[in-house]
Amino acid sequence: MSIERIGTILPTDDLPATVALLSALFGGPPTFVDGDRWAQFDVGPARVMVAGKDREGDAAALSIKVADLDAAIAALRGVGVALADPVTGPHERRAALDATPGTPWSVVLYEPHDSAKISG
């Protein structure tokens, strides 16, 4: 599995307020915003993403950008990791899994659509 980037997805009920707070903390505006559903900040080598409207669940998630989602799913399933089947979002294909029992966060593997790969 070829990992291209690791980040964090933070859920919020108030995307504008969260964007304002993170902009102040990180010293600049987000690098990408999709209405009231998504914003992301590239801070050094890290990406911090904020999920507002239309998010899936209320838990934070470890986000792993992979070069080939299908290959990553096959490799992980091959060693016994249970992942959901991939779904297609507006900017990416993704597959999620729960971390471990009792862990209040999840893991999301994703591969941007070809048109979104430019911005990484």
PDB file of N, CA and C in Angstrom:
ATOM      1  N   MET A   1       0.856  -1.173   0.000  1.00  0.00           N
ATOM      2  CA  MET A   1       0.000   0.000   0.000  1.00  0.00           C
ATOM      3  C   MET A   1       0.900   1.233   0.000  1.00  0.00           C
ATOM      4  N   SER A   2       0.716   2.090  -0.967  1.00  0.00           N
ATOM      5  CA  SER A   2       1.514   3.305  -1.087  1.00  0.00           C
ATOM      6  C   SER A   2       0.761   4.483  -0.466  1.00  0.00           C
ATOM      7  N   ILE A   3       1.271   4.984   0.661  1.00  0.00           N
ATOM      8  CA  ILE A   3       0.638   6.111   1.360  1.00  0.00           C
ATOM      9  C   ILE A   3       1.233   7.411   0.843  1.00  0.00           C
ATOM     10  N   GLU A   4       0.361   8.334   0.446  1.00  0.00           N
ATOM     11  CA  GLU A   4       0.808   9.621  -0.075  1.00  0.00           C
ATOM     12  C   GLU A   4       0.693  10.752   0.945  1.00  0.00           C
ATOM     13  N   ARG A   5      -0.244  10.639   1.895  1.00  0.00           N
ATOM     14  CA  ARG A   5      -0.429  11.695   2.889  1.00  0.00           C
ATOM     15  C   ARG A   5      -1.260  11.139   4.038  1.00  0.00           C
ATOM     16  N   ILE A   6      -0.996  11.634   5.236  1.00  0.00           N
ATOM     17  CA  ILE A   6      -1.800  11.290   6.402  1.00  0.00           C
ATOM     18  C   ILE A   6      -2.350  12.579   6.978  1.00  0.00           C
ATOM     19  N   GLY A   7      -3.599  12.551   7.395  1.00  0.00           N
ATOM     20  CA  GLY A   7      -4.225  13.728   7.976  1.00  0.00           C
ATOM     21  C   GLY A   7      -5.246  13.336   9.027  1.00  0.00           C
ATOM     22  N   THR A   8      -5.951  14.335   9.514  1.00  0.00           N
ATOM     23  CA  THR A   8      -6.975  14.153  10.530  1.00  0.00           C
ATOM     24  C   THR A   8      -8.264  14.785  10.049  1.00  0.00           C
ATOM     25  N   ILE A   9      -9.385  14.087  10.242  1.00  0.00           N
ATOM     26  CA  ILE A   9     -10.700  14.639   9.919  1.00  0.00           C
ATOM     27  C   ILE A   9     -11.411  14.939  11.229  1.00  0.00           C
ATOM     28  N   LEU A  10     -11.799  16.200  11.413  1.00  0.00           N
ATOM     29  CA  LEU A  10     -12.490  16.627  12.623  1.00  0.00           C
ATOM     30  C   LEU A  10     -13.936  16.967  12.292  1.00  0.00           C
ATOM     31  N   PRO A  11     -14.912  16.356  12.962  1.00  0.00           N
ATOM     32  CA  PRO A  11     -16.312  16.703  12.717  1.00  0.00           C
ATOM     33  C   PRO A  11     -16.676  17.998  13.438  1.00  0.00           C
ATOM     34  N   THR A  12     -17.604  18.753  12.853  1.00  0.00           N
ATOM     35  CA  THR A  12     -18.077  19.979  13.497  1.00  0.00           C
ATOM     36  C   THR A  12     -19.519  20.252  13.103  1.00  0.00           C
ATOM     37  N   ASP A  13     -20.249  20.878  14.008  1.00  0.00           N
ATOM     38  CA  ASP A  13     -21.611  21.326  13.702  1.00  0.00           C
ATOM     39  C   ASP A  13     -21.621  22.762  13.203  1.00  0.00           C
ATOM     40  N   ASP A  14     -20.487  23.462  13.335  1.00  0.00           N
ATOM     41  CA  ASP A  14     -20.402  24.868  12.929  1.00  0.00           C
ATOM     42  C   ASP A  14     -19.121  25.067  12.130  1.00  0.00           C
ATOM     43  N   LEU A  15     -19.189  24.768  10.836  1.00  0.00           N
ATOM     44  CA  LEU A  15     -17.995  24.841   9.995  1.00  0.00           C
ATOM     45  C   LEU A  15     -17.379  26.240   9.968  1.00  0.00           C
ATOM     46  N   PRO A  16     -18.158  27.321   9.776  1.00  0.00           N
ATOM     47  CA  PRO A  16     -17.535  28.647   9.747  1.00  0.00           C
ATOM     48  C   PRO A  16     -16.778  28.992  11.035  1.00  0.00           C
ATOM     49  N   ALA A  17     -17.334  28.654  12.187  1.00  0.00           N
ATOM     50  CA  ALA A  17     -16.655  28.949  13.451  1.00  0.00           C
ATOM     51  C   ALA A  17     -15.386  28.117  13.592  1.00  0.00           C
ATOM     52  N   THR A  18     -15.446  26.857  13.173  1.00  0.00           N
ATOM     53  CA  THR A  18     -14.270  25.997  13.259  1.00  0.00           C
ATOM     54  C   THR A  18     -13.191  26.459  12.290  1.00  0.00           C
ATOM     55  N   VAL A  19     -13.582  26.871  11.094  1.00  0.00           N
ATOM     56  CA  VAL A  19     -12.621  27.406  10.123  1.00  0.00           C
ATOM     57  C   VAL A  19     -11.966  28.669  10.675  1.00  0.00           C
ATOM     58  N   ALA A  20     -12.741  29.534  11.302  1.00  0.00           N
ATOM     59  CA  ALA A  20     -12.182  30.762  11.884  1.00  0.00           C
ATOM     60  C   ALA A  20     -11.168  30.427  12.977  1.00  0.00           C
ATOM     61  N   LEU A  21     -11.503  29.480  13.844  1.00  0.00           N
ATOM     62  CA  LEU A  21     -10.589  29.085  14.913  1.00  0.00           C
ATOM     63  C   LEU A  21      -9.305  28.492  14.342  1.00  0.00           C
ATOM     64  N   LEU A  22      -9.431  27.541  13.421  1.00  0.00           N
ATOM     65  CA  LEU A  22      -8.236  26.912  12.861  1.00  0.00           C
ATOM     66  C   LEU A  22      -7.409  27.891  12.030  1.00  0.00           C
ATOM     67  N   SER A  23      -8.061  28.825  11.350  1.00  0.00           N
ATOM     68  CA  SER A  23      -7.325  29.858  10.602  1.00  0.00           C
ATOM     69  C   SER A  23      -6.467  30.680  11.552  1.00  0.00           C
ATOM     70  N   ALA A  24      -7.018  31.011  12.714  1.00  0.00           N
ATOM     71  CA  ALA A  24      -6.249  31.761  13.713  1.00  0.00           C
ATOM     72  C   ALA A  24      -5.107  30.912  14.266  1.00  0.00           C
ATOM     73  N   LEU A  25      -5.381  29.652  14.563  1.00  0.00           N
ATOM     74  CA  LEU A  25      -4.347  28.772  15.111  1.00  0.00           C
ATOM     75  C   LEU A  25      -3.225  28.505  14.117  1.00  0.00           C
ATOM     76  N   PHE A  26      -3.583  28.287  12.849  1.00  0.00           N
ATOM     77  CA  PHE A  26      -2.594  27.933  11.838  1.00  0.00           C
ATOM     78  C   PHE A  26      -1.991  29.141  11.133  1.00  0.00           C
ATOM     79  N   GLY A  27      -2.534  30.331  11.376  1.00  0.00           N
ATOM     80  CA  GLY A  27      -1.980  31.545  10.796  1.00  0.00           C
ATOM     81  C   GLY A  27      -2.338  31.780   9.345  1.00  0.00           C
ATOM     82  N   GLY A  28      -3.449  31.233   8.883  1.00  0.00           N
ATOM     83  CA  GLY A  28      -3.865  31.458   7.500  1.00  0.00           C
ATOM     84  C   GLY A  28      -5.162  30.749   7.190  1.00  0.00           C
ATOM     85  N   PRO A  29      -5.730  31.053   6.025  1.00  0.00           N
ATOM     86  CA  PRO A  29      -7.017  30.471   5.645  1.00  0.00           C
ATOM     87  C   PRO A  29      -6.868  29.015   5.196  1.00  0.00           C
ATOM     88  N   PRO A  30      -7.982  28.318   5.063  1.00  0.00           N
ATOM     89  CA  PRO A  30      -7.926  26.948   4.557  1.00  0.00           C
ATOM     90  C   PRO A  30      -7.438  26.921   3.112  1.00  0.00           C
ATOM     91  N   THR A  31      -6.869  25.795   2.716  1.00  0.00           N
ATOM     92  CA  THR A  31      -6.398  25.635   1.342  1.00  0.00           C
ATOM     93  C   THR A  31      -7.514  25.189   0.411  1.00  0.00           C
ATOM     94  N   PHE A  32      -8.621  24.713   0.999  1.00  0.00           N
ATOM     95  CA  PHE A  32      -9.768  24.274   0.196  1.00  0.00           C
ATOM     96  C   PHE A  32     -11.018  24.333   1.053  1.00  0.00           C
ATOM     97  N   VAL A  33     -12.113  24.826   0.468  1.00  0.00           N
ATOM     98  CA  VAL A  33     -13.414  24.850   1.147  1.00  0.00           C
ATOM     99  C   VAL A  33     -14.470  24.396   0.146  1.00  0.00           C
ATOM    100  N   ASP A  34     -15.378  23.548   0.601  1.00  0.00           N
ATOM    101  CA  ASP A  34     -16.509  23.108  -0.218  1.00  0.00           C
ATOM    102  C   ASP A  34     -17.785  23.472   0.536  1.00  0.00           C
ATOM    103  N   GLY A  35     -18.221  24.708   0.379  1.00  0.00           N
ATOM    104  CA  GLY A  35     -19.455  25.179   1.002  1.00  0.00           C
ATOM    105  C   GLY A  35     -19.445  24.996   2.502  1.00  0.00           C
ATOM    106  N   ASP A  36     -20.551  24.461   3.025  1.00  0.00           N
ATOM    107  CA  ASP A  36     -20.642  24.250   4.464  1.00  0.00           C
ATOM    108  C   ASP A  36     -20.451  22.778   4.831  1.00  0.00           C
ATOM    109  N   ARG A  37     -19.849  22.012   3.897  1.00  0.00           N
ATOM    110  CA  ARG A  37     -19.663  20.588   4.174  1.00  0.00           C
ATOM    111  C   ARG A  37     -18.216  20.197   4.459  1.00  0.00           C
ATOM    112  N   TRP A  38     -17.230  21.012   4.010  1.00  0.00           N
ATOM    113  CA  TRP A  38     -15.830  20.558   4.101  1.00  0.00           C
ATOM    114  C   TRP A  38     -14.866  21.725   4.019  1.00  0.00           C
ATOM    115  N   ALA A  39     -13.787  21.650   4.775  1.00  0.00           N
ATOM    116  CA  ALA A  39     -12.663  22.583   4.643  1.00  0.00           C
ATOM    117  C   ALA A  39     -11.396  21.806   4.975  1.00  0.00           C
ATOM    118  N   GLN A  40     -10.283  22.216   4.379  1.00  0.00           N
ATOM    119  CA  GLN A  40      -9.023  21.563   4.730  1.00  0.00           C
ATOM    120  C   GLN A  40      -7.897  22.569   4.771  1.00  0.00           C
ATOM    121  N   PHE A  41      -6.967  22.299   5.670  1.00  0.00           N
ATOM    122  CA  PHE A  41      -5.787  23.125   5.876  1.00  0.00           C
ATOM    123  C   PHE A  41      -4.565  22.252   5.645  1.00  0.00           C
ATOM    124  N   ASP A  42      -3.646  22.715   4.807  1.00  0.00           N
ATOM    125  CA  ASP A  42      -2.367  22.043   4.648  1.00  0.00           C
ATOM    126  C   ASP A  42      -1.373  22.804   5.504  1.00  0.00           C
ATOM    127  N   VAL A  43      -0.882  22.133   6.534  1.00  0.00           N
ATOM    128  CA  VAL A  43       0.015  22.752   7.504  1.00  0.00           C
ATOM    129  C   VAL A  43       1.296  21.928   7.515  1.00  0.00           C
ATOM    130  N   GLY A  44       2.355  22.469   6.900  1.00  0.00           N
ATOM    131  CA  GLY A  44       3.567  21.676   6.748  1.00  0.00           C
ATOM    132  C   GLY A  44       3.229  20.423   5.956  1.00  0.00           C
ATOM    133  N   PRO A  45       3.684  19.264   6.413  1.00  0.00           N
ATOM    134  CA  PRO A  45       3.372  18.031   5.688  1.00  0.00           C
ATOM    135  C   PRO A  45       2.006  17.436   6.056  1.00  0.00           C
ATOM    136  N   ALA A  46       1.311  18.053   7.005  1.00  0.00           N
ATOM    137  CA  ALA A  46       0.037  17.501   7.484  1.00  0.00           C
ATOM    138  C   ALA A  46      -1.156  18.160   6.805  1.00  0.00           C
ATOM    139  N   ARG A  47      -2.262  17.445   6.792  1.00  0.00           N
ATOM    140  CA  ARG A  47      -3.524  17.999   6.319  1.00  0.00           C
ATOM    141  C   ARG A  47      -4.547  17.810   7.436  1.00  0.00           C
ATOM    142  N   VAL A  48      -5.180  18.911   7.837  1.00  0.00           N
ATOM    143  CA  VAL A  48      -6.263  18.876   8.817  1.00  0.00           C
ATOM    144  C   VAL A  48      -7.544  19.196   8.067  1.00  0.00           C
ATOM    145  N   MET A  49      -8.497  18.271   8.132  1.00  0.00           N
ATOM    146  CA  MET A  49      -9.758  18.423   7.408  1.00  0.00           C
ATOM    147  C   MET A  49     -10.891  18.573   8.410  1.00  0.00           C
ATOM    148  N   VAL A  50     -11.877  19.385   8.043  1.00  0.00           N
ATOM    149  CA  VAL A  50     -13.024  19.632   8.910  1.00  0.00           C
ATOM    150  C   VAL A  50     -14.278  19.253   8.133  1.00  0.00           C
ATOM    151  N   ALA A  51     -15.065  18.352   8.702  1.00  0.00           N
ATOM    152  CA  ALA A  51     -16.290  17.877   8.058  1.00  0.00           C
ATOM    153  C   ALA A  51     -17.496  18.497   8.750  1.00  0.00           C
ATOM    154  N   GLY A  52     -18.267  19.254   7.982  1.00  0.00           N
ATOM    155  CA  GLY A  52     -19.473  19.879   8.505  1.00  0.00           C
ATOM    156  C   GLY A  52     -20.693  19.116   8.051  1.00  0.00           C
ATOM    157  N   LYS A  53     -21.523  19.779   7.234  1.00  0.00           N
ATOM    158  CA  LYS A  53     -22.739  19.144   6.716  1.00  0.00           C
ATOM    159  C   LYS A  53     -22.402  17.898   5.918  1.00  0.00           C
ATOM    160  N   ASP A  54     -23.322  16.969   5.906  1.00  0.00           N
ATOM    161  CA  ASP A  54     -23.202  15.736   5.123  1.00  0.00           C
ATOM    162  C   ASP A  54     -22.080  14.820   5.594  1.00  0.00           C
ATOM    163  N   ARG A  55     -21.579  15.016   6.797  1.00  0.00           N
ATOM    164  CA  ARG A  55     -20.512  14.132   7.264  1.00  0.00           C
ATOM    165  C   ARG A  55     -21.091  12.779   7.651  1.00  0.00           C
ATOM    166  N   GLU A  56     -20.213  11.814   7.671  1.00  0.00           N
ATOM    167  CA  GLU A  56     -20.597  10.456   8.046  1.00  0.00           C
ATOM    168  C   GLU A  56     -20.154  10.208   9.478  1.00  0.00           C
ATOM    169  N   GLY A  57     -21.040  10.393  10.433  1.00  0.00           N
ATOM    170  CA  GLY A  57     -20.722  10.135  11.829  1.00  0.00           C
ATOM    171  C   GLY A  57     -20.153  11.336  12.548  1.00  0.00           C
ATOM    172  N   ASP A  58     -19.930  11.147  13.840  1.00  0.00           N
ATOM    173  CA  ASP A  58     -19.460  12.234  14.695  1.00  0.00           C
ATOM    174  C   ASP A  58     -18.100  11.961  15.315  1.00  0.00           C
ATOM    175  N   ALA A  59     -17.395  10.962  14.837  1.00  0.00           N
ATOM    176  CA  ALA A  59     -16.084  10.641  15.389  1.00  0.00           C
ATOM    177  C   ALA A  59     -14.988  11.249  14.523  1.00  0.00           C
ATOM    178  N   ALA A  60     -13.898  11.612  15.166  1.00  0.00           N
ATOM    179  CA  ALA A  60     -12.721  12.041  14.417  1.00  0.00           C
ATOM    180  C   ALA A  60     -12.177  10.832  13.657  1.00  0.00           C
ATOM    181  N   ALA A  61     -11.395  11.098  12.614  1.00  0.00           N
ATOM    182  CA  ALA A  61     -10.858   9.997  11.810  1.00  0.00           C
ATOM    183  C   ALA A  61      -9.424  10.279  11.389  1.00  0.00           C
ATOM    184  N   LEU A  62      -8.651   9.221  11.315  1.00  0.00           N
ATOM    185  CA  LEU A  62      -7.333   9.272  10.699  1.00  0.00           C
ATOM    186  C   LEU A  62      -7.559   9.105   9.208  1.00  0.00           C
ATOM    187  N   SER A  63      -7.078  10.041   8.424  1.00  0.00           N
ATOM    188  CA  SER A  63      -7.279  10.039   6.976  1.00  0.00           C
ATOM    189  C   SER A  63      -5.972   9.633   6.305  1.00  0.00           C
ATOM    190  N   ILE A  64      -6.055   8.645   5.420  1.00  0.00           N
ATOM    191  CA  ILE A  64      -4.861   8.158   4.735  1.00  0.00           C
ATOM    192  C   ILE A  64      -5.102   8.217   3.232  1.00  0.00           C
ATOM    193  N   LYS A  65      -4.370   9.104   2.561  1.00  0.00           N
ATOM    194  CA  LYS A  65      -4.451   9.215   1.102  1.00  0.00           C
ATOM    195  C   LYS A  65      -3.550   8.143   0.501  1.00  0.00           C
ATOM    196  N   VAL A  66      -4.123   7.339  -0.396  1.00  0.00           N
ATOM    197  CA  VAL A  66      -3.364   6.257  -1.020  1.00  0.00           C
ATOM    198  C   VAL A  66      -3.324   6.451  -2.530  1.00  0.00           C
ATOM    199  N   ALA A  67      -2.309   5.878  -3.149  1.00  0.00           N
ATOM    200  CA  ALA A  67      -2.156   5.993  -4.596  1.00  0.00           C
ATOM    201  C   ALA A  67      -3.185   5.146  -5.334  1.00  0.00           C
ATOM    202  N   ASP A  68      -3.565   4.004  -4.753  1.00  0.00           N
ATOM    203  CA  ASP A  68      -4.494   3.078  -5.410  1.00  0.00           C
ATOM    204  C   ASP A  68      -5.406   2.487  -4.339  1.00  0.00           C
ATOM    205  N   LEU A  69      -6.621   3.001  -4.235  1.00  0.00           N
ATOM    206  CA  LEU A  69      -7.550   2.578  -3.191  1.00  0.00           C
ATOM    207  C   LEU A  69      -7.866   1.092  -3.285  1.00  0.00           C
ATOM    208  N   ASP A  70      -8.127   0.596  -4.479  1.00  0.00           N
ATOM    209  CA  ASP A  70      -8.469  -0.821  -4.624  1.00  0.00           C
ATOM    210  C   ASP A  70      -7.321  -1.724  -4.167  1.00  0.00           C
ATOM    211  N   ALA A  71      -6.096  -1.357  -4.495  1.00  0.00           N
ATOM    212  CA  ALA A  71      -4.938  -2.145  -4.068  1.00  0.00           C
ATOM    213  C   ALA A  71      -4.775  -2.085  -2.550  1.00  0.00           C
ATOM    214  N   ALA A  72      -5.002  -0.917  -1.955  1.00  0.00           N
ATOM    215  CA  ALA A  72      -4.895  -0.775  -0.502  1.00  0.00           C
ATOM    216  C   ALA A  72      -5.943  -1.629   0.206  1.00  0.00           C
ATOM    217  N   ILE A  73      -7.174  -1.606  -0.308  1.00  0.00           N
ATOM    218  CA  ILE A  73      -8.246  -2.414   0.282  1.00  0.00           C
ATOM    219  C   ILE A  73      -7.890  -3.893   0.192  1.00  0.00           C
ATOM    220  N   ALA A  74      -7.426  -4.328  -0.972  1.00  0.00           N
ATOM    221  CA  ALA A  74      -7.064  -5.738  -1.156  1.00  0.00           C
ATOM    222  C   ALA A  74      -5.941  -6.143  -0.202  1.00  0.00           C
ATOM    223  N   ALA A  75      -4.931  -5.282  -0.054  1.00  0.00           N
ATOM    224  CA  ALA A  75      -3.807  -5.600   0.831  1.00  0.00           C
ATOM    225  C   ALA A  75      -4.267  -5.707   2.284  1.00  0.00           C
ATOM    226  N   LEU A  76      -5.097  -4.775   2.715  1.00  0.00           N
ATOM    227  CA  LEU A  76      -5.563  -4.802   4.103  1.00  0.00           C
ATOM    228  C   LEU A  76      -6.514  -5.964   4.360  1.00  0.00           C
ATOM    229  N   ARG A  77      -7.414  -6.217   3.435  1.00  0.00           N
ATOM    230  CA  ARG A  77      -8.313  -7.373   3.597  1.00  0.00           C
ATOM    231  C   ARG A  77      -7.515  -8.673   3.595  1.00  0.00           C
ATOM    232  N   GLY A  78      -6.412  -8.679   2.847  1.00  0.00           N
ATOM    233  CA  GLY A  78      -5.564  -9.865   2.789  1.00  0.00           C
ATOM    234  C   GLY A  78      -4.912 -10.219   4.116  1.00  0.00           C
ATOM    235  N   VAL A  79      -4.778  -9.241   5.003  1.00  0.00           N
ATOM    236  CA  VAL A  79      -4.214  -9.508   6.332  1.00  0.00           C
ATOM    237  C   VAL A  79      -5.288  -9.450   7.415  1.00  0.00           C
ATOM    238  N   GLY A  80      -6.558  -9.527   6.994  1.00  0.00           N
ATOM    239  CA  GLY A  80      -7.649  -9.650   7.951  1.00  0.00           C
ATOM    240  C   GLY A  80      -8.297  -8.376   8.439  1.00  0.00           C
ATOM    241  N   VAL A  81      -7.971  -7.239   7.843  1.00  0.00           N
ATOM    242  CA  VAL A  81      -8.598  -5.976   8.249  1.00  0.00           C
ATOM    243  C   VAL A  81      -9.948  -5.853   7.549  1.00  0.00           C
ATOM    244  N   ALA A  82     -10.993  -5.584   8.325  1.00  0.00           N
ATOM    245  CA  ALA A  82     -12.349  -5.446   7.773  1.00  0.00           C
ATOM    246  C   ALA A  82     -12.601  -3.992   7.389  1.00  0.00           C
ATOM    247  N   LEU A  83     -12.767  -3.739   6.111  1.00  0.00           N
ATOM    248  CA  LEU A  83     -13.072  -2.400   5.603  1.00  0.00           C
ATOM    249  C   LEU A  83     -14.436  -2.415   4.939  1.00  0.00           C
ATOM    250  N   ALA A  84     -15.108  -1.275   4.989  1.00  0.00           N
ATOM    251  CA  ALA A  84     -16.354  -1.121   4.243  1.00  0.00           C
ATOM    252  C   ALA A  84     -16.021  -1.099   2.752  1.00  0.00           C
ATOM    253  N   ASP A  85     -17.002  -1.430   1.927  1.00  0.00           N
ATOM    254  CA  ASP A  85     -16.808  -1.298   0.488  1.00  0.00           C
ATOM    255  C   ASP A  85     -16.613   0.172   0.145  1.00  0.00           C
ATOM    256  N   PRO A  86     -15.841   0.482  -0.889  1.00  0.00           N
ATOM    257  CA  PRO A  86     -15.595   1.880  -1.239  1.00  0.00           C
ATOM    258  C   PRO A  86     -16.874   2.600  -1.656  1.00  0.00           C
ATOM    259  N   VAL A  87     -16.923   3.884  -1.331  1.00  0.00           N
ATOM    260  CA  VAL A  87     -18.011   4.758  -1.772  1.00  0.00           C
ATOM    261  C   VAL A  87     -17.389   5.934  -2.507  1.00  0.00           C
ATOM    262  N   THR A  88     -18.178   6.561  -3.354  1.00  0.00           N
ATOM    263  CA  THR A  88     -17.697   7.698  -4.126  1.00  0.00           C
ATOM    264  C   THR A  88     -18.284   8.976  -3.565  1.00  0.00           C
ATOM    265  N   GLY A  89     -17.410   9.913  -3.200  1.00  0.00           N
ATOM    266  CA  GLY A  89     -17.825  11.225  -2.730  1.00  0.00           C
ATOM    267  C   GLY A  89     -17.638  12.241  -3.832  1.00  0.00           C
ATOM    268  N   PRO A  90     -17.887  13.514  -3.538  1.00  0.00           N
ATOM    269  CA  PRO A  90     -17.780  14.536  -4.571  1.00  0.00           C
ATOM    270  C   PRO A  90     -16.354  14.767  -5.071  1.00  0.00           C
ATOM    271  N   HIS A  91     -15.351  14.423  -4.251  1.00  0.00           N
ATOM    272  CA  HIS A  91     -13.967  14.689  -4.631  1.00  0.00           C
ATOM    273  C   HIS A  91     -13.073  13.453  -4.583  1.00  0.00           C
ATOM    274  N   GLU A  92     -13.603  12.328  -4.093  1.00  0.00           N
ATOM    275  CA  GLU A  92     -12.762  11.171  -3.829  1.00  0.00           C
ATOM    276  C   GLU A  92     -13.564   9.878  -3.801  1.00  0.00           C
ATOM    277  N   ARG A  93     -12.833   8.763  -3.858  1.00  0.00           N
ATOM    278  CA  ARG A  93     -13.371   7.445  -3.490  1.00  0.00           C
ATOM    279  C   ARG A  93     -12.758   7.122  -2.143  1.00  0.00           C
ATOM    280  N   ARG A  94     -13.535   6.504  -1.252  1.00  0.00           N
ATOM    281  CA  ARG A  94     -13.028   6.243   0.080  1.00  0.00           C
ATOM    282  C   ARG A  94     -13.605   4.949   0.645  1.00  0.00           C
ATOM    283  N   ALA A  95     -12.882   4.399   1.596  1.00  0.00           N
ATOM    284  CA  ALA A  95     -13.334   3.227   2.334  1.00  0.00           C
ATOM    285  C   ALA A  95     -12.971   3.449   3.795  1.00  0.00           C
ATOM    286  N   ALA A  96     -13.888   3.110   4.681  1.00  0.00           N
ATOM    287  CA  ALA A  96     -13.681   3.372   6.104  1.00  0.00           C
ATOM    288  C   ALA A  96     -13.629   2.071   6.896  1.00  0.00           C
ATOM    289  N   LEU A  97     -13.013   2.172   8.055  1.00  0.00           N
ATOM    290  CA  LEU A  97     -13.001   1.071   9.001  1.00  0.00           C
ATOM    291  C   LEU A  97     -12.960   1.644  10.401  1.00  0.00           C
ATOM    292  N   ASP A  98     -13.489   0.896  11.358  1.00  0.00           N
ATOM    293  CA  ASP A  98     -13.358   1.293  12.753  1.00  0.00           C
ATOM    294  C   ASP A  98     -11.956   0.924  13.198  1.00  0.00           C
ATOM    295  N   ALA A  99     -11.375   1.740  14.076  1.00  0.00           N
ATOM    296  CA  ALA A  99     -10.006   1.486  14.515  1.00  0.00           C
ATOM    297  C   ALA A  99      -9.950   0.162  15.282  1.00  0.00           C
ATOM    298  N   THR A 100     -10.210   0.169  16.543  1.00  0.00           N
ATOM    299  CA  THR A 100     -10.269  -1.039  17.361  1.00  0.00           C
ATOM    300  C   THR A 100     -11.416  -0.870  18.339  1.00  0.00           C
ATOM    301  N   PRO A 101     -11.950  -1.945  18.879  1.00  0.00           N
ATOM    302  CA  PRO A 101     -13.061  -1.808  19.828  1.00  0.00           C
ATOM    303  C   PRO A 101     -12.699  -0.853  20.968  1.00  0.00           C
ATOM    304  N   GLY A 102     -13.609   0.048  21.265  1.00  0.00           N
ATOM    305  CA  GLY A 102     -13.394   1.011  22.337  1.00  0.00           C
ATOM    306  C   GLY A 102     -12.625   2.250  21.923  1.00  0.00           C
ATOM    307  N   THR A 103     -12.200   2.333  20.679  1.00  0.00           N
ATOM    308  CA  THR A 103     -11.469   3.504  20.192  1.00  0.00           C
ATOM    309  C   THR A 103     -12.466   4.470  19.567  1.00  0.00           C
ATOM    310  N   PRO A 104     -12.535   5.711  20.059  1.00  0.00           N
ATOM    311  CA  PRO A 104     -13.561   6.648  19.568  1.00  0.00           C
ATOM    312  C   PRO A 104     -13.175   7.378  18.282  1.00  0.00           C
ATOM    313  N   TRP A 105     -12.494   6.712  17.375  1.00  0.00           N
ATOM    314  CA  TRP A 105     -12.164   7.307  16.085  1.00  0.00           C
ATOM    315  C   TRP A 105     -12.138   6.199  15.045  1.00  0.00           C
ATOM    316  N   SER A 106     -12.125   6.615  13.802  1.00  0.00           N
ATOM    317  CA  SER A 106     -12.123   5.650  12.708  1.00  0.00           C
ATOM    318  C   SER A 106     -10.964   5.950  11.767  1.00  0.00           C
ATOM    319  N   VAL A 107     -10.854   5.157  10.727  1.00  0.00           N
ATOM    320  CA  VAL A 107      -9.818   5.343   9.707  1.00  0.00           C
ATOM    321  C   VAL A 107     -10.517   5.433   8.358  1.00  0.00           C
ATOM    322  N   VAL A 108     -10.095   6.392   7.537  1.00  0.00           N
ATOM    323  CA  VAL A 108     -10.633   6.552   6.190  1.00  0.00           C
ATOM    324  C   VAL A 108      -9.472   6.508   5.206  1.00  0.00           C
ATOM    325  N   LEU A 109      -9.498   5.543   4.299  1.00  0.00           N
ATOM    326  CA  LEU A 109      -8.550   5.510   3.185  1.00  0.00           C
ATOM    327  C   LEU A 109      -9.220   6.205   2.018  1.00  0.00           C
ATOM    328  N   TYR A 110      -8.485   7.042   1.290  1.00  0.00           N
ATOM    329  CA  TYR A 110      -9.112   7.726   0.157  1.00  0.00           C
ATOM    330  C   TYR A 110      -8.151   7.902  -0.997  1.00  0.00           C
ATOM    331  N   GLU A 111      -8.758   8.034  -2.169  1.00  0.00           N
ATOM    332  CA  GLU A 111      -8.049   8.294  -3.419  1.00  0.00           C
ATOM    333  C   GLU A 111      -8.828   9.396  -4.133  1.00  0.00           C
ATOM    334  N   PRO A 112      -8.210  10.563  -4.382  1.00  0.00           N
ATOM    335  CA  PRO A 112      -8.934  11.644  -5.071  1.00  0.00           C
ATOM    336  C   PRO A 112      -9.344  11.232  -6.481  1.00  0.00           C
ATOM    337  N   HIS A 113     -10.454  11.808  -6.949  1.00  0.00           N
ATOM    338  CA  HIS A 113     -10.811  11.657  -8.364  1.00  0.00           C
ATOM    339  C   HIS A 113      -9.696  12.287  -9.183  1.00  0.00           C
ATOM    340  N   ASP A 114      -9.532  11.893 -10.430  1.00  0.00           N
ATOM    341  CA  ASP A 114      -8.461  12.421 -11.278  1.00  0.00           C
ATOM    342  C   ASP A 114      -8.428  13.937 -11.302  1.00  0.00           C
ATOM    343  N   SER A 115      -9.591  14.591 -11.383  1.00  0.00           N
ATOM    344  CA  SER A 115      -9.616  16.055 -11.447  1.00  0.00           C
ATOM    345  C   SER A 115      -9.182  16.680 -10.132  1.00  0.00           C
ATOM    346  N   ALA A 116      -9.311  15.952  -9.012  1.00  0.00           N
ATOM    347  CA  ALA A 116      -8.930  16.494  -7.710  1.00  0.00           C
ATOM    348  C   ALA A 116      -7.473  16.202  -7.371  1.00  0.00           C
ATOM    349  N   LYS A 117      -6.808  15.336  -8.132  1.00  0.00           N
ATOM    350  CA  LYS A 117      -5.434  14.960  -7.808  1.00  0.00           C
ATOM    351  C   LYS A 117      -4.469  16.130  -7.959  1.00  0.00           C
ATOM    352  N   ILE A 118      -4.851  17.129  -8.718  1.00  0.00           N
ATOM    353  CA  ILE A 118      -3.983  18.286  -8.910  1.00  0.00           C
ATOM    354  C   ILE A 118      -3.710  18.973  -7.579  1.00  0.00           C
ATOM    355  N   SER A 119      -4.769  19.133  -6.740  1.00  0.00           N
ATOM    356  CA  SER A 119      -4.597  19.836  -5.472  1.00  0.00           C
ATOM    357  C   SER A 119      -4.180  18.904  -4.345  1.00  0.00           C
ATOM    358  N   GLY A 120      -4.156  17.601  -4.589  1.00  0.00           N
ATOM    359  CA  GLY A 120      -3.660  16.638  -3.629  1.00  0.00           C
ATOM    360  C   GLY A 120      -4.529  16.437  -2.455  1.00  0.00           C
TER     361      GLY A 120
END
